[in-house]
C-alpha atoms as a PDB file:
ATOM      1  CA  MET A   1      26.624 267.646  -5.699  1.00  0.00           C
ATOM      2  CA  LYS A   2      29.329 265.525  -7.391  1.00  0.00           C
ATOM      3  CA  ALA A   3      28.977 267.455 -10.633  1.00  0.00           C
ATOM      4  CA  ARG A   4      30.058 270.646  -8.908  1.00  0.00           C
ATOM      5  CA  TRP A   5      33.316 269.144  -7.616  1.00  0.00           C
ATOM      6  CA  SER A   6      34.319 267.630 -10.965  1.00  0.00           C
ATOM      7  CA  LEU A   7      33.242 270.772 -12.802  1.00  0.00           C
ATOM      8  CA  ALA A   8      35.563 272.909 -10.682  1.00  0.00           C
ATOM      9  CA  ALA A   9      38.666 270.932 -11.709  1.00  0.00           C
ATOM     10  CA  SER A  10      37.702 270.832 -15.371  1.00  0.00           C
ATOM     11  CA  MET A  11      36.981 274.560 -15.410  1.00  0.00           C
ATOM     12  CA  LEU A  12      40.398 275.350 -13.938  1.00  0.00           C
ATOM     13  CA  MET A  13      42.120 273.489 -16.725  1.00  0.00           C
ATOM     14  CA  SER A  14      39.912 274.980 -19.439  1.00  0.00           C
ATOM     15  CA  MET A  15      40.610 278.495 -18.156  1.00  0.00           C
ATOM     16  CA  GLY A  16      44.291 277.960 -18.855  1.00  0.00           C
ATOM     17  CA  ILE A  17      45.639 277.581 -15.324  1.00  0.00           C
ATOM     18  CA  SER A  18      48.281 275.215 -16.692  1.00  0.00           C
ATOM     19  CA  ASN A  19      49.476 277.943 -19.098  1.00  0.00           C
ATOM     20  CA  ALA A  20      49.339 280.873 -16.683  1.00  0.00           C
ATOM     21  CA  PHE A  21      53.016 280.731 -15.711  1.00  0.00           C
ATOM     22  CA  ALA A  22      55.906 281.912 -17.861  1.00  0.00           C
ATOM     23  CA  ALA A  23      58.493 279.280 -18.697  1.00  0.00           C
ATOM     24  CA  PRO A  24      62.224 279.948 -19.082  1.00  0.00           C
ATOM     25  CA  LYS A  25      63.543 280.743 -22.571  1.00  0.00           C
ATOM     26  CA  SER A  26      65.028 277.233 -22.804  1.00  0.00           C
ATOM     27  CA  VAL A  27      61.533 275.721 -22.997  1.00  0.00           C
ATOM     28  CA  GLN A  28      60.360 275.253 -26.561  1.00  0.00           C
ATOM     29  CA  PRO A  29      57.012 276.693 -27.691  1.00  0.00           C
ATOM     30  CA  ALA A  30      53.885 274.651 -27.079  1.00  0.00           C
ATOM     31  CA  LYS A  31      53.773 271.202 -28.621  1.00  0.00           C
ATOM     32  CA  PRO A  32      50.955 268.667 -28.411  1.00  0.00           C
ATOM     33  CA  ARG A  33      51.236 266.470 -25.321  1.00  0.00           C
ATOM     34  CA  THR A  34      50.037 262.895 -24.990  1.00  0.00           C
ATOM     35  CA  GLN A  35      50.363 262.758 -21.201  1.00  0.00           C
ATOM     36  CA  PHE A  36      47.362 262.627 -18.877  1.00  0.00           C
ATOM     37  CA  VAL A  37      47.151 266.070 -17.193  1.00  0.00           C
ATOM     38  CA  ASP A  38      44.767 267.432 -14.562  1.00  0.00           C
ATOM     39  CA  ALA A  39      44.566 270.341 -12.122  1.00  0.00           C
ATOM     40  CA  VAL A  40      46.037 268.078  -9.419  1.00  0.00           C
ATOM     41  CA  ASP A  41      49.356 268.266 -11.334  1.00  0.00           C
ATOM     42  CA  LEU A  42      49.696 272.020 -10.799  1.00  0.00           C
ATOM     43  CA  ALA A  43      51.328 271.928  -7.325  1.00  0.00           C
ATOM     44  CA  PRO A  44      53.959 269.260  -8.166  1.00  0.00           C
ATOM     45  CA  THR A  45      54.791 271.086 -11.414  1.00  0.00           C
ATOM     46  CA  LEU A  46      55.338 274.415  -9.652  1.00  0.00           C
ATOM     47  CA  LEU A  47      57.392 272.781  -6.885  1.00  0.00           C
ATOM     48  CA  HIS A  48      59.560 270.980  -9.433  1.00  0.00           C
ATOM     49  CA  ALA A  49      60.049 274.181 -11.454  1.00  0.00           C
ATOM     50  CA  ALA A  50      61.100 276.009  -8.275  1.00  0.00           C
ATOM     51  CA  GLY A  51      63.711 273.335  -7.593  1.00  0.00           C
ATOM     52  CA  THR A  52      62.259 272.289  -4.240  1.00  0.00           C
ATOM     53  CA  SER A  53      61.729 268.776  -2.990  1.00  0.00           C
ATOM     54  CA  PHE A  54      58.305 267.570  -1.951  1.00  0.00           C
ATOM     55  CA  ALA A  55      56.850 264.496  -0.313  1.00  0.00           C
ATOM     56  CA  PRO A  56      56.208 261.555  -2.645  1.00  0.00           C
ATOM     57  CA  ALA A  57      52.752 261.250  -1.073  1.00  0.00           C
ATOM     58  CA  ILE A  58      51.594 264.459  -2.767  1.00  0.00           C
ATOM     59  CA  ASP A  59      48.914 263.829  -5.384  1.00  0.00           C
ATOM     60  CA  GLY A  60      49.652 264.542  -9.020  1.00  0.00           C
ATOM     61  CA  ALA A  61      52.875 264.503 -11.013  1.00  0.00           C
ATOM     62  CA  ALA A  62      55.281 267.192 -12.177  1.00  0.00           C
ATOM     63  CA  ARG A  63      54.534 268.164 -15.769  1.00  0.00           C
ATOM     64  CA  TYR A  64      57.585 270.376 -16.232  1.00  0.00           C
ATOM     65  CA  PRO A  65      59.192 269.783 -19.673  1.00  0.00           C
ATOM     66  CA  ALA A  66      62.472 268.438 -18.232  1.00  0.00           C
ATOM     67  CA  LYS A  67      60.508 266.038 -16.034  1.00  0.00           C
ATOM     68  CA  LEU A  68      58.322 264.924 -18.942  1.00  0.00           C
ATOM     69  CA  ALA A  69      61.395 263.707 -20.792  1.00  0.00           C
ATOM     70  CA  GLU A  70      62.238 261.399 -17.856  1.00  0.00           C
ATOM     71  CA  THR A  71      58.818 259.785 -17.569  1.00  0.00           C
ATOM     72  CA  LYS A  72      57.071 257.419 -19.922  1.00  0.00           C
ATOM     73  CA  ALA A  73      53.720 258.453 -21.326  1.00  0.00           C
ATOM     74  CA  ARG A  74      51.080 256.543 -19.406  1.00  0.00           C
ATOM     75  CA  ARG A  75      47.920 255.283 -20.933  1.00  0.00           C
ATOM     76  CA  TRP A  76      44.820 256.909 -19.500  1.00  0.00           C
ATOM     77  CA  ARG A  77      43.674 253.624 -17.935  1.00  0.00           C
ATOM     78  CA  GLU A  78      46.907 253.384 -15.933  1.00  0.00           C
ATOM     79  CA  ALA A  79      46.682 256.951 -14.642  1.00  0.00           C
ATOM     80  CA  ARG A  80      44.860 257.871 -11.476  1.00  0.00           C
ATOM     81  CA  GLN A  81      43.969 261.257 -10.191  1.00  0.00           C
ATOM     82  CA  TYR A  82      44.412 260.704  -6.462  1.00  0.00           C
ATOM     83  CA  SER A  83      46.601 258.122  -4.758  1.00  0.00           C
ATOM     84  CA  THR A  84      44.656 258.057  -1.496  1.00  0.00           C
ATOM     85  CA  PRO A  85      40.935 257.497  -1.014  1.00  0.00           C
ATOM     86  CA  PHE A  86      38.960 260.397   0.358  1.00  0.00           C
ATOM     87  CA  ALA A  87      35.350 261.175   1.060  1.00  0.00           C
ATOM     88  CA  GLU A  88      33.637 264.152  -0.476  1.00  0.00           C
ATOM     89  CA  PRO A  89      32.422 266.600   2.166  1.00  0.00           C
ATOM     90  CA  LEU A  90      28.786 266.432   3.088  1.00  0.00           C
ATOM     91  CA  GLU A  91      26.888 269.660   2.578  1.00  0.00           C
ATOM     92  CA  ILE A  92      23.193 270.169   3.241  1.00  0.00           C
ATOM     93  CA  PHE A  93      21.364 273.411   2.570  1.00  0.00           C
ATOM     94  CA  VAL A  94      17.845 274.173   3.782  1.00  0.00           C
ATOM     95  CA  ARG A  95      15.982 277.242   2.604  1.00  0.00           C
ATOM     96  CA  ARG A  96      13.146 278.530   4.722  1.00  0.00           C
ATOM     97  CA  ALA A  97      11.108 281.707   4.557  1.00  0.00           C
ATOM     98  CA  ARG A  98      13.520 283.907   6.531  1.00  0.00           C
ATOM     99  CA  TYR A  99      16.742 281.951   6.975  1.00  0.00           C
ATOM    100  CA  ASP A 100      19.246 279.991   4.927  1.00  0.00           C
ATOM    101  CA  ASP A 101      20.700 277.174   7.004  1.00  0.00           C
ATOM    102  CA  ALA A 102      23.792 275.255   6.006  1.00  0.00           C
ATOM    103  CA  PHE A 103      25.377 272.148   7.490  1.00  0.00           C
ATOM    104  CA  THR A 104      28.795 270.818   6.584  1.00  0.00           C
ATOM    105  CA  ASP A 105      30.933 268.044   8.050  1.00  0.00           C
ATOM    106  CA  GLN A 106      34.212 269.878   7.383  1.00  0.00           C
ATOM    107  CA  LYS A 107      36.100 270.958  10.479  1.00  0.00           C
END
């Protein structure tokens, strides 16, 4: 079950979600980055690019080029994906002859 959740995030990044948005002409062409980046950074990056403010409690960090210049590159051991602990949802599937039953604890 855990493999599916981690696979979803890694697949999003490998499909190029981080490169799916056009940048302004002032942004230089792609250069290698040393920063730790994950799918959780997508929302803060889009909000920062739009010029809106967002709560500091939001997970992830803005990876917009102007913002990258302000921040120090963090080592991967110092980076964390989520700032708050959370439990993965419980899902149980039972297959019988005629019916597929599913139970989830999400509300």
